[in-house]
Amino acid sequence: MTHGSVQKAGKVRNSTPKVEQKHHVSRHPRTRNKHNYLKRNIKGMPAGQQSGAKRRRRR
């Protein structure tokens, strides 16, 4: 069994304009690991995303 007709398949993806990817240059793993070590162990910042803002607690 299928949901919907075959004629409607891919209508949203085909109608959206193509956007080129941004050029992304990542750090070398050695540099990234050194930066993480300094940040977490020397500066004492917690790892992860919760360093900047407090996370909302679920009840």
PDB file of N, CA and C in Angstrom:
ATOM      1  N   MET A   1       0.835  -1.182   0.000  1.00  0.00           N
ATOM      2  CA  MET A   1       0.000   0.000   0.000  1.00  0.00           C
ATOM      3  C   MET A   1       0.884   1.251   0.000  1.00  0.00           C
ATOM      4  N   THR A   2       0.466   2.227  -0.740  1.00  0.00           N
ATOM      5  CA  THR A   2       1.210   3.482  -0.783  1.00  0.00           C
ATOM      6  C   THR A   2       0.307   4.609  -0.298  1.00  0.00           C
ATOM      7  N   HIS A   3       0.942   5.637   0.202  1.00  0.00           N
ATOM      8  CA  HIS A   3       0.216   6.826   0.656  1.00  0.00           C
ATOM      9  C   HIS A   3       0.434   7.920  -0.370  1.00  0.00           C
ATOM     10  N   GLY A   4      -0.625   8.405  -0.965  1.00  0.00           N
ATOM     11  CA  GLY A   4      -0.522   9.461  -1.954  1.00  0.00           C
ATOM     12  C   GLY A   4      -0.296   8.902  -3.342  1.00  0.00           C
ATOM     13  N   SER A   5      -0.379   9.752  -4.317  1.00  0.00           N
ATOM     14  CA  SER A   5      -0.224   9.312  -5.700  1.00  0.00           C
ATOM     15  C   SER A   5       1.224   9.471  -6.147  1.00  0.00           C
ATOM     16  N   VAL A   6       1.575   8.743  -7.188  1.00  0.00           N
ATOM     17  CA  VAL A   6       2.944   8.780  -7.707  1.00  0.00           C
ATOM     18  C   VAL A   6       3.213  10.115  -8.401  1.00  0.00           C
ATOM     19  N   GLN A   7       2.193  10.779  -8.921  1.00  0.00           N
ATOM     20  CA  GLN A   7       2.390  12.044  -9.627  1.00  0.00           C
ATOM     21  C   GLN A   7       2.885  13.147  -8.685  1.00  0.00           C
ATOM     22  N   LYS A   8       2.564  13.046  -7.390  1.00  0.00           N
ATOM     23  CA  LYS A   8       2.956  14.087  -6.439  1.00  0.00           C
ATOM     24  C   LYS A   8       4.344  13.867  -5.841  1.00  0.00           C
ATOM     25  N   ALA A   9       5.006  12.789  -6.197  1.00  0.00           N
ATOM     26  CA  ALA A   9       6.286  12.448  -5.571  1.00  0.00           C
ATOM     27  C   ALA A   9       7.361  13.465  -5.952  1.00  0.00           C
ATOM     28  N   GLY A  10       8.067  13.991  -4.961  1.00  0.00           N
ATOM     29  CA  GLY A  10       9.192  14.894  -5.192  1.00  0.00           C
ATOM     30  C   GLY A  10       8.824  16.298  -5.598  1.00  0.00           C
ATOM     31  N   LYS A  11       7.601  16.730  -5.345  1.00  0.00           N
ATOM     32  CA  LYS A  11       7.199  18.061  -5.822  1.00  0.00           C
ATOM     33  C   LYS A  11       7.877  19.177  -5.042  1.00  0.00           C
ATOM     34  N   VAL A  12       8.121  18.996  -3.755  1.00  0.00           N
ATOM     35  CA  VAL A  12       8.730  20.063  -2.958  1.00  0.00           C
ATOM     36  C   VAL A  12      10.211  20.181  -3.273  1.00  0.00           C
ATOM     37  N   ARG A  13      10.898  19.056  -3.353  1.00  0.00           N
ATOM     38  CA  ARG A  13      12.331  19.090  -3.617  1.00  0.00           C
ATOM     39  C   ARG A  13      12.633  19.637  -5.012  1.00  0.00           C
ATOM     40  N   ASN A  14      11.814  19.275  -5.995  1.00  0.00           N
ATOM     41  CA  ASN A  14      12.047  19.761  -7.351  1.00  0.00           C
ATOM     42  C   ASN A  14      11.715  21.234  -7.510  1.00  0.00           C
ATOM     43  N   SER A  15      10.834  21.773  -6.677  1.00  0.00           N
ATOM     44  CA  SER A  15      10.434  23.169  -6.835  1.00  0.00           C
ATOM     45  C   SER A  15      11.321  24.146  -6.063  1.00  0.00           C
ATOM     46  N   THR A  16      12.170  23.647  -5.152  1.00  0.00           N
ATOM     47  CA  THR A  16      13.037  24.544  -4.392  1.00  0.00           C
ATOM     48  C   THR A  16      14.275  24.893  -5.213  1.00  0.00           C
ATOM     49  N   PRO A  17      14.775  26.131  -5.101  1.00  0.00           N
ATOM     50  CA  PRO A  17      15.949  26.512  -5.877  1.00  0.00           C
ATOM     51  C   PRO A  17      17.218  25.860  -5.324  1.00  0.00           C
ATOM     52  N   LYS A  18      18.147  25.592  -6.219  1.00  0.00           N
ATOM     53  CA  LYS A  18      19.411  24.972  -5.842  1.00  0.00           C
ATOM     54  C   LYS A  18      20.302  26.012  -5.177  1.00  0.00           C
ATOM     55  N   VAL A  19      20.851  25.683  -3.995  1.00  0.00           N
ATOM     56  CA  VAL A  19      21.730  26.584  -3.263  1.00  0.00           C
ATOM     57  C   VAL A  19      23.111  25.952  -3.205  1.00  0.00           C
ATOM     58  N   GLU A  20      24.111  26.705  -3.608  1.00  0.00           N
ATOM     59  CA  GLU A  20      25.482  26.189  -3.598  1.00  0.00           C
ATOM     60  C   GLU A  20      25.989  26.048  -2.169  1.00  0.00           C
ATOM     61  N   GLN A  21      26.859  25.057  -1.955  1.00  0.00           N
ATOM     62  CA  GLN A  21      27.423  24.834  -0.626  1.00  0.00           C
ATOM     63  C   GLN A  21      28.445  25.912  -0.295  1.00  0.00           C
ATOM     64  N   LYS A  22      28.539  26.235   1.006  1.00  0.00           N
ATOM     65  CA  LYS A  22      29.560  27.170   1.456  1.00  0.00           C
ATOM     66  C   LYS A  22      30.885  26.435   1.578  1.00  0.00           C
ATOM     67  N   HIS A  23      31.952  27.136   1.253  1.00  0.00           N
ATOM     68  CA  HIS A  23      33.286  26.539   1.373  1.00  0.00           C
ATOM     69  C   HIS A  23      33.662  26.489   2.844  1.00  0.00           C
ATOM     70  N   HIS A  24      33.942  25.301   3.352  1.00  0.00           N
ATOM     71  CA  HIS A  24      34.237  25.105   4.762  1.00  0.00           C
ATOM     72  C   HIS A  24      35.640  24.537   4.915  1.00  0.00           C
ATOM     73  N   VAL A  25      36.473  25.229   5.674  1.00  0.00           N
ATOM     74  CA  VAL A  25      37.822  24.753   5.933  1.00  0.00           C
ATOM     75  C   VAL A  25      37.894  24.354   7.401  1.00  0.00           C
ATOM     76  N   SER A  26      38.116  23.078   7.652  1.00  0.00           N
ATOM     77  CA  SER A  26      38.184  22.612   9.033  1.00  0.00           C
ATOM     78  C   SER A  26      39.626  22.619   9.517  1.00  0.00           C
ATOM     79  N   ARG A  27      39.783  22.686  10.823  1.00  0.00           N
ATOM     80  CA  ARG A  27      41.119  22.658  11.409  1.00  0.00           C
ATOM     81  C   ARG A  27      41.701  21.258  11.292  1.00  0.00           C
ATOM     82  N   HIS A  28      43.012  21.189  11.373  1.00  0.00           N
ATOM     83  CA  HIS A  28      43.658  19.890  11.440  1.00  0.00           C
ATOM     84  C   HIS A  28      43.319  19.267  12.788  1.00  0.00           C
ATOM     85  N   PRO A  29      43.217  17.935  12.863  1.00  0.00           N
ATOM     86  CA  PRO A  29      42.849  17.290  14.126  1.00  0.00           C
ATOM     87  C   PRO A  29      43.799  17.633  15.269  1.00  0.00           C
ATOM     88  N   ARG A  30      45.088  17.778  14.986  1.00  0.00           N
ATOM     89  CA  ARG A  30      46.051  18.114  16.046  1.00  0.00           C
ATOM     90  C   ARG A  30      45.751  19.488  16.638  1.00  0.00           C
ATOM     91  N   THR A  31      45.465  20.444  15.789  1.00  0.00           N
ATOM     92  CA  THR A  31      45.141  21.794  16.254  1.00  0.00           C
ATOM     93  C   THR A  31      43.818  21.804  17.014  1.00  0.00           C
ATOM     94  N   ARG A  32      42.825  21.067  16.500  1.00  0.00           N
ATOM     95  CA  ARG A  32      41.523  21.011  17.154  1.00  0.00           C
ATOM     96  C   ARG A  32      41.622  20.360  18.532  1.00  0.00           C
ATOM     97  N   ASN A  33      42.392  19.279  18.638  1.00  0.00           N
ATOM     98  CA  ASN A  33      42.552  18.611  19.927  1.00  0.00           C
ATOM     99  C   ASN A  33      43.283  19.491  20.933  1.00  0.00           C
ATOM    100  N   LYS A  34      44.283  20.231  20.470  1.00  0.00           N
ATOM    101  CA  LYS A  34      45.011  21.142  21.349  1.00  0.00           C
ATOM    102  C   LYS A  34      44.085  22.244  21.869  1.00  0.00           C
ATOM    103  N   HIS A  35      43.265  22.782  20.977  1.00  0.00           N
ATOM    104  CA  HIS A  35      42.328  23.830  21.367  1.00  0.00           C
ATOM    105  C   HIS A  35      41.323  23.308  22.382  1.00  0.00           C
ATOM    106  N   ASN A  36      40.802  22.078  22.144  1.00  0.00           N
ATOM    107  CA  ASN A  36      39.849  21.495  23.081  1.00  0.00           C
ATOM    108  C   ASN A  36      40.498  21.225  24.434  1.00  0.00           C
ATOM    109  N   TYR A  37      41.754  20.781  24.449  1.00  0.00           N
ATOM    110  CA  TYR A  37      42.464  20.516  25.697  1.00  0.00           C
ATOM    111  C   TYR A  37      42.635  21.801  26.501  1.00  0.00           C
ATOM    112  N   LEU A  38      43.057  22.869  25.824  1.00  0.00           N
ATOM    113  CA  LEU A  38      43.239  24.140  26.526  1.00  0.00           C
ATOM    114  C   LEU A  38      41.915  24.652  27.084  1.00  0.00           C
ATOM    115  N   LYS A  39      40.875  24.523  26.287  1.00  0.00           N
ATOM    116  CA  LYS A  39      39.570  25.043  26.692  1.00  0.00           C
ATOM    117  C   LYS A  39      38.992  24.256  27.868  1.00  0.00           C
ATOM    118  N   ARG A  40      39.083  22.927  27.803  1.00  0.00           N
ATOM    119  CA  ARG A  40      38.430  22.091  28.817  1.00  0.00           C
ATOM    120  C   ARG A  40      39.263  21.906  30.073  1.00  0.00           C
ATOM    121  N   ASN A  41      40.575  21.688  29.936  1.00  0.00           N
ATOM    122  CA  ASN A  41      41.405  21.358  31.089  1.00  0.00           C
ATOM    123  C   ASN A  41      42.108  22.561  31.701  1.00  0.00           C
ATOM    124  N   ILE A  42      42.593  23.470  30.886  1.00  0.00           N
ATOM    125  CA  ILE A  42      43.318  24.622  31.407  1.00  0.00           C
ATOM    126  C   ILE A  42      42.349  25.713  31.851  1.00  0.00           C
ATOM    127  N   LYS A  43      41.395  26.064  30.973  1.00  0.00           N
ATOM    128  CA  LYS A  43      40.429  27.109  31.318  1.00  0.00           C
ATOM    129  C   LYS A  43      39.308  26.604  32.208  1.00  0.00           C
ATOM    130  N   GLY A  44      39.033  25.301  32.185  1.00  0.00           N
ATOM    131  CA  GLY A  44      37.989  24.730  33.025  1.00  0.00           C
ATOM    132  C   GLY A  44      36.582  24.910  32.503  1.00  0.00           C
ATOM    133  N   MET A  45      36.438  25.107  31.207  1.00  0.00           N
ATOM    134  CA  MET A  45      35.109  25.262  30.633  1.00  0.00           C
ATOM    135  C   MET A  45      34.491  23.878  30.428  1.00  0.00           C
ATOM    136  N   PRO A  46      33.185  23.717  30.665  1.00  0.00           N
ATOM    137  CA  PRO A  46      32.563  22.409  30.429  1.00  0.00           C
ATOM    138  C   PRO A  46      32.453  22.121  28.937  1.00  0.00           C
ATOM    139  N   ALA A  47      32.536  20.845  28.584  1.00  0.00           N
ATOM    140  CA  ALA A  47      32.449  20.446  27.184  1.00  0.00           C
ATOM    141  C   ALA A  47      30.999  20.466  26.725  1.00  0.00           C
ATOM    142  N   GLY A  48      30.789  20.675  25.445  1.00  0.00           N
ATOM    143  CA  GLY A  48      29.450  20.629  24.878  1.00  0.00           C
ATOM    144  C   GLY A  48      28.858  22.007  24.665  1.00  0.00           C
ATOM    145  N   GLN A  49      27.570  22.049  24.372  1.00  0.00           N
ATOM    146  CA  GLN A  49      26.912  23.290  24.018  1.00  0.00           C
ATOM    147  C   GLN A  49      26.436  24.091  25.216  1.00  0.00           C
ATOM    148  N   GLN A  50      26.364  23.515  26.392  1.00  0.00           N
ATOM    149  CA  GLN A  50      25.790  24.220  27.532  1.00  0.00           C
ATOM    150  C   GLN A  50      26.757  25.209  28.171  1.00  0.00           C
ATOM    151  N   SER A  51      27.932  25.460  27.561  1.00  0.00           N
ATOM    152  CA  SER A  51      28.892  26.372  28.174  1.00  0.00           C
ATOM    153  C   SER A  51      28.416  27.825  28.114  1.00  0.00           C
ATOM    154  N   GLY A  52      27.708  28.223  27.055  1.00  0.00           N
ATOM    155  CA  GLY A  52      27.299  29.607  26.909  1.00  0.00           C
ATOM    156  C   GLY A  52      26.019  29.941  27.640  1.00  0.00           C
ATOM    157  N   ALA A  53      25.010  29.148  27.458  1.00  0.00           N
ATOM    158  CA  ALA A  53      23.704  29.420  28.050  1.00  0.00           C
ATOM    159  C   ALA A  53      23.243  28.220  28.861  1.00  0.00           C
ATOM    160  N   LYS A  54      22.403  28.500  29.832  1.00  0.00           N
ATOM    161  CA  LYS A  54      21.880  27.402  30.641  1.00  0.00           C
ATOM    162  C   LYS A  54      20.841  26.631  29.856  1.00  0.00           C
ATOM    163  N   ARG A  55      20.870  25.329  30.011  1.00  0.00           N
ATOM    164  CA  ARG A  55      19.918  24.480  29.302  1.00  0.00           C
ATOM    165  C   ARG A  55      18.611  24.398  30.072  1.00  0.00           C
ATOM    166  N   ARG A  56      17.518  24.278  29.348  1.00  0.00           N
ATOM    167  CA  ARG A  56      16.215  24.156  29.966  1.00  0.00           C
ATOM    168  C   ARG A  56      16.014  22.743  30.474  1.00  0.00           C
ATOM    169  N   ARG A  57      15.584  22.635  31.728  1.00  0.00           N
ATOM    170  CA  ARG A  57      15.365  21.320  32.322  1.00  0.00           C
ATOM    171  C   ARG A  57      13.980  20.803  31.963  1.00  0.00           C
ATOM    172  N   ARG A  58      13.903  19.522  31.653  1.00  0.00           N
ATOM    173  CA  ARG A  58      12.604  18.901  31.373  1.00  0.00           C
ATOM    174  C   ARG A  58      11.999  18.394  32.661  1.00  0.00           C
ATOM    175  N   ARG A  59      10.701  18.499  32.772  1.00  0.00           N
ATOM    176  CA  ARG A  59      10.017  18.038  33.966  1.00  0.00           C
ATOM    177  C   ARG A  59       9.349  16.729  33.742  1.00  0.00           C
TER     178      ARG A  59
END
